[in-house]
Amino acid sequence: MHSLETKVEGEAYINVRKGKIIPGYEISLTLGWAGEAQDAVGNSLLKAEGLVEIPYIMDENADEDPDVRVTLKDEGPIGKKLKEAFLAKGKTFLLEQVRVFVAKMAKAGPAKEELAVKKVNATNTEKKAVTTAPTPAVVVATPVKEEVKKE
């Protein structure tokens, strides 16, 4: 078998507006899959390959499971059984992973941690600027009395 195809296309972005983190994404995903039918002893009867396409993973429909399309390269009775097995087990796994991605994006994904670090660094920099700023020198002049000695 040759290597399986994997392709992710689209965009994902994080907007920060008025201190709020607003994620957005529009992604399509294509994954190769492979399956093998075995007899009772474990001998390989047939291997099959196909593609899984998730054409629309978008922030606009984050509360819905995306459409999952499973195709098979060689349509045959055993290939169809492998495809059915993938739909029964693999589709559920893929949808769980998409839900994890959507949940992370809803929380601003890795950008939230990065923005938090930048915010802390900016706050520390501001504090340092305040504490390390030179304090103005205050000079208080006090008159010195001269004693005049009378001789």
C-alpha atoms as a PDB file:
ATOM      1  CA  MET A   1       0.000   0.000   0.000  1.00  0.00           C
ATOM      2  CA  HIS A   2       1.140   3.522  -0.638  1.00  0.00           C
ATOM      3  CA  SER A   3       1.076   6.328   1.889  1.00  0.00           C
ATOM      4  CA  LEU A   4      -2.355   7.652   2.740  1.00  0.00           C
ATOM      5  CA  GLU A   5      -3.388  11.147   1.749  1.00  0.00           C
ATOM      6  CA  THR A   6      -3.888  13.873   4.333  1.00  0.00           C
ATOM      7  CA  LYS A   7      -4.933  17.381   3.411  1.00  0.00           C
ATOM      8  CA  VAL A   8      -6.207  20.335   5.429  1.00  0.00           C
ATOM      9  CA  GLU A   9      -7.347  23.443   3.611  1.00  0.00           C
ATOM     10  CA  GLY A  10      -8.935  26.659   4.767  1.00  0.00           C
ATOM     11  CA  GLU A  11      -8.269  29.207   7.429  1.00  0.00           C
ATOM     12  CA  ALA A  12      -8.371  29.629  11.160  1.00  0.00           C
ATOM     13  CA  TYR A  13      -7.920  32.941  12.898  1.00  0.00           C
ATOM     14  CA  ILE A  14      -8.255  34.666  16.234  1.00  0.00           C
ATOM     15  CA  ASN A  15      -9.532  38.237  16.538  1.00  0.00           C
ATOM     16  CA  VAL A  16      -9.106  40.196  19.729  1.00  0.00           C
ATOM     17  CA  ARG A  17     -11.666  42.943  20.027  1.00  0.00           C
ATOM     18  CA  LYS A  18     -12.267  44.989  23.183  1.00  0.00           C
ATOM     19  CA  GLY A  19     -10.397  42.405  25.222  1.00  0.00           C
ATOM     20  CA  LYS A  20     -12.540  39.539  23.937  1.00  0.00           C
ATOM     21  CA  ILE A  21     -11.043  36.669  21.982  1.00  0.00           C
ATOM     22  CA  ILE A  22     -13.134  35.798  18.941  1.00  0.00           C
ATOM     23  CA  PRO A  23     -12.073  32.651  17.048  1.00  0.00           C
ATOM     24  CA  GLY A  24     -13.074  31.885  13.501  1.00  0.00           C
ATOM     25  CA  TYR A  25     -12.337  29.026  11.141  1.00  0.00           C
ATOM     26  CA  GLU A  26     -13.444  27.483   7.894  1.00  0.00           C
ATOM     27  CA  ILE A  27     -11.606  24.253   7.189  1.00  0.00           C
ATOM     28  CA  SER A  28     -11.959  21.228   4.944  1.00  0.00           C
ATOM     29  CA  LEU A  29     -10.214  17.990   5.827  1.00  0.00           C
ATOM     30  CA  THR A  30      -9.321  14.967   3.696  1.00  0.00           C
ATOM     31  CA  LEU A  31      -7.817  11.848   5.265  1.00  0.00           C
ATOM     32  CA  GLY A  32      -6.802   8.566   3.743  1.00  0.00           C
ATOM     33  CA  TRP A  33      -7.899   5.381   5.461  1.00  0.00           C
ATOM     34  CA  ALA A  34      -7.020   1.723   5.034  1.00  0.00           C
ATOM     35  CA  GLY A  35      -8.664  -1.446   6.251  1.00  0.00           C
ATOM     36  CA  GLU A  36      -7.942  -5.135   6.113  1.00  0.00           C
ATOM     37  CA  ALA A  37     -10.302  -8.107   6.183  1.00  0.00           C
ATOM     38  CA  GLN A  38      -8.878 -11.238   7.828  1.00  0.00           C
ATOM     39  CA  ASP A  39     -10.031 -14.799   8.150  1.00  0.00           C
ATOM     40  CA  ALA A  40     -10.494 -16.558  11.506  1.00  0.00           C
ATOM     41  CA  VAL A  41      -6.780 -17.449  11.657  1.00  0.00           C
ATOM     42  CA  GLY A  42      -5.671 -13.890  10.934  1.00  0.00           C
ATOM     43  CA  ASN A  43      -4.669 -14.312   7.300  1.00  0.00           C
ATOM     44  CA  SER A  44      -5.299 -11.267   5.153  1.00  0.00           C
ATOM     45  CA  LEU A  45      -8.204 -11.699   2.732  1.00  0.00           C
ATOM     46  CA  LEU A  46      -8.350  -8.201   1.289  1.00  0.00           C
ATOM     47  CA  LYS A  47      -6.992  -4.755   1.926  1.00  0.00           C
ATOM     48  CA  ALA A  48      -8.947  -1.668   0.974  1.00  0.00           C
ATOM     49  CA  GLU A  49      -8.211   2.037   0.901  1.00  0.00           C
ATOM     50  CA  GLY A  50     -10.364   5.091   0.690  1.00  0.00           C
ATOM     51  CA  LEU A  51     -10.796   8.702   1.685  1.00  0.00           C
ATOM     52  CA  VAL A  52     -12.672  10.471   4.424  1.00  0.00           C
ATOM     53  CA  GLU A  53     -13.734  13.991   3.596  1.00  0.00           C
ATOM     54  CA  ILE A  54     -15.066  16.539   6.041  1.00  0.00           C
ATOM     55  CA  PRO A  55     -15.757  19.438   3.686  1.00  0.00           C
ATOM     56  CA  TYR A  56     -17.087  22.041   6.124  1.00  0.00           C
ATOM     57  CA  ILE A  57     -15.768  22.554   9.626  1.00  0.00           C
ATOM     58  CA  MET A  58     -16.819  26.124  10.404  1.00  0.00           C
ATOM     59  CA  ASP A  59     -17.337  28.300  13.453  1.00  0.00           C
ATOM     60  CA  GLU A  60     -20.803  29.161  12.107  1.00  0.00           C
ATOM     61  CA  ASN A  61     -22.011  25.589  12.626  1.00  0.00           C
ATOM     62  CA  ALA A  62     -19.849  24.690  15.633  1.00  0.00           C
ATOM     63  CA  ASP A  63     -22.844  23.237  17.502  1.00  0.00           C
ATOM     64  CA  GLU A  64     -23.536  20.691  14.730  1.00  0.00           C
ATOM     65  CA  ASP A  65     -21.566  17.637  13.644  1.00  0.00           C
ATOM     66  CA  PRO A  66     -20.075  18.228  10.210  1.00  0.00           C
ATOM     67  CA  ASP A  67     -20.844  16.122   7.167  1.00  0.00           C
ATOM     68  CA  VAL A  68     -18.494  13.123   6.845  1.00  0.00           C
ATOM     69  CA  ARG A  69     -18.077  11.473   3.436  1.00  0.00           C
ATOM     70  CA  VAL A  70     -16.343   8.117   3.220  1.00  0.00           C
ATOM     71  CA  THR A  71     -15.275   6.779  -0.155  1.00  0.00           C
ATOM     72  CA  LEU A  72     -13.722   3.496  -1.178  1.00  0.00           C
ATOM     73  CA  LYS A  73     -11.194   3.109  -3.996  1.00  0.00           C
ATOM     74  CA  ASP A  74     -12.181  -0.443  -4.943  1.00  0.00           C
ATOM     75  CA  GLU A  75     -15.873  -1.190  -4.645  1.00  0.00           C
ATOM     76  CA  GLY A  76     -16.361  -4.859  -3.890  1.00  0.00           C
ATOM     77  CA  PRO A  77     -18.299  -6.879  -1.324  1.00  0.00           C
ATOM     78  CA  ILE A  78     -15.425  -7.041   1.192  1.00  0.00           C
ATOM     79  CA  GLY A  79     -14.449  -3.428   0.496  1.00  0.00           C
ATOM     80  CA  LYS A  80     -18.013  -2.361   1.239  1.00  0.00           C
ATOM     81  CA  LYS A  81     -17.898  -4.297   4.537  1.00  0.00           C
ATOM     82  CA  LEU A  82     -14.670  -2.480   5.466  1.00  0.00           C
ATOM     83  CA  LYS A  83     -16.273   0.846   4.612  1.00  0.00           C
ATOM     84  CA  GLU A  84     -19.276  -0.020   6.800  1.00  0.00           C
ATOM     85  CA  ALA A  85     -16.913  -0.964   9.634  1.00  0.00           C
ATOM     86  CA  PHE A  86     -15.124   2.361   9.251  1.00  0.00           C
ATOM     87  CA  LEU A  87     -18.430   4.230   9.315  1.00  0.00           C
ATOM     88  CA  ALA A  88     -19.448   2.348  12.467  1.00  0.00           C
ATOM     89  CA  LYS A  89     -16.223   2.968  14.433  1.00  0.00           C
ATOM     90  CA  GLY A  90     -14.031   5.470  12.610  1.00  0.00           C
ATOM     91  CA  LYS A  91     -16.678   8.114  11.961  1.00  0.00           C
ATOM     92  CA  THR A  92     -17.497   8.348  15.663  1.00  0.00           C
ATOM     93  CA  PHE A  93     -13.808   8.770  16.507  1.00  0.00           C
ATOM     94  CA  LEU A  94     -13.350  11.478  13.849  1.00  0.00           C
ATOM     95  CA  LEU A  95     -16.386  13.421  15.041  1.00  0.00           C
ATOM     96  CA  GLU A  96     -15.058  13.302  18.617  1.00  0.00           C
ATOM     97  CA  GLN A  97     -11.751  14.785  17.404  1.00  0.00           C
ATOM     98  CA  VAL A  98     -13.584  17.519  15.485  1.00  0.00           C
ATOM     99  CA  ARG A  99     -15.541  18.347  18.671  1.00  0.00           C
ATOM    100  CA  VAL A 100     -12.251  18.631  20.580  1.00  0.00           C
ATOM    101  CA  PHE A 101     -10.924  21.033  17.922  1.00  0.00           C
ATOM    102  CA  VAL A 102     -14.131  23.093  17.994  1.00  0.00           C
ATOM    103  CA  ALA A 103     -14.057  23.281  21.815  1.00  0.00           C
ATOM    104  CA  LYS A 104     -10.418  24.421  21.800  1.00  0.00           C
ATOM    105  CA  MET A 105     -11.147  27.038  19.159  1.00  0.00           C
ATOM    106  CA  ALA A 106     -14.141  28.285  21.162  1.00  0.00           C
ATOM    107  CA  LYS A 107     -11.734  28.889  24.042  1.00  0.00           C
ATOM    108  CA  ALA A 108      -9.351  30.667  21.623  1.00  0.00           C
ATOM    109  CA  GLY A 109      -7.167  27.591  21.161  1.00  0.00           C
ATOM    110  CA  PRO A 110      -3.453  28.009  21.701  1.00  0.00           C
ATOM    111  CA  ALA A 111      -3.795  31.750  21.088  1.00  0.00           C
ATOM    112  CA  LYS A 112      -5.450  32.246  24.490  1.00  0.00           C
ATOM    113  CA  GLU A 113      -2.350  31.008  26.304  1.00  0.00           C
ATOM    114  CA  GLU A 114      -0.119  33.090  24.051  1.00  0.00           C
ATOM    115  CA  LEU A 115      -2.269  36.188  24.587  1.00  0.00           C
ATOM    116  CA  ALA A 116      -2.278  35.585  28.346  1.00  0.00           C
ATOM    117  CA  VAL A 117       1.542  35.426  28.358  1.00  0.00           C
ATOM    118  CA  LYS A 118       1.738  38.628  26.310  1.00  0.00           C
ATOM    119  CA  LYS A 119      -0.714  40.321  28.685  1.00  0.00           C
ATOM    120  CA  VAL A 120       1.311  39.268  31.741  1.00  0.00           C
ATOM    121  CA  ASN A 121       4.545  40.422  30.089  1.00  0.00           C
ATOM    122  CA  ALA A 122       2.954  43.745  29.152  1.00  0.00           C
ATOM    123  CA  THR A 123       1.706  44.211  32.714  1.00  0.00           C
ATOM    124  CA  ASN A 124       5.135  43.353  34.128  1.00  0.00           C
ATOM    125  CA  THR A 125       6.770  45.749  31.688  1.00  0.00           C
ATOM    126  CA  GLU A 126       4.390  48.514  32.741  1.00  0.00           C
ATOM    127  CA  LYS A 127       5.111  47.830  36.410  1.00  0.00           C
ATOM    128  CA  LYS A 128       8.841  47.813  35.766  1.00  0.00           C
ATOM    129  CA  ALA A 129       8.524  51.072  33.875  1.00  0.00           C
ATOM    130  CA  VAL A 130       6.783  52.612  36.857  1.00  0.00           C
ATOM    131  CA  THR A 131       9.149  51.267  39.492  1.00  0.00           C
ATOM    132  CA  THR A 132      12.353  51.836  37.582  1.00  0.00           C
ATOM    133  CA  ALA A 133      11.539  55.293  36.338  1.00  0.00           C
ATOM    134  CA  PRO A 134      13.939  57.799  37.826  1.00  0.00           C
ATOM    135  CA  THR A 135      12.394  59.723  40.637  1.00  0.00           C
ATOM    136  CA  PRO A 136      12.763  63.445  40.327  1.00  0.00           C
ATOM    137  CA  ALA A 137      15.319  64.932  42.648  1.00  0.00           C
ATOM    138  CA  VAL A 138      13.889  67.244  45.203  1.00  0.00           C
ATOM    139  CA  VAL A 139      16.216  69.934  46.422  1.00  0.00           C
ATOM    140  CA  VAL A 140      15.203  71.784  49.480  1.00  0.00           C
ATOM    141  CA  ALA A 141      17.167  74.951  50.077  1.00  0.00           C
ATOM    142  CA  THR A 142      17.452  76.002  53.640  1.00  0.00           C
ATOM    143  CA  PRO A 143      18.951  79.325  54.432  1.00  0.00           C
ATOM    144  CA  VAL A 144      22.193  79.161  56.329  1.00  0.00           C
ATOM    145  CA  LYS A 145      22.530  81.718  59.063  1.00  0.00           C
ATOM    146  CA  GLU A 146      25.824  83.410  59.205  1.00  0.00           C
ATOM    147  CA  GLU A 147      26.974  84.373  62.523  1.00  0.00           C
ATOM    148  CA  VAL A 148      28.551  87.679  62.606  1.00  0.00           C
ATOM    149  CA  LYS A 149      31.133  88.075  65.336  1.00  0.00           C
ATOM    150  CA  LYS A 150      31.510  91.459  66.778  1.00  0.00           C
ATOM    151  CA  GLU A 151      34.968  92.364  67.770  1.00  0.00           C
END
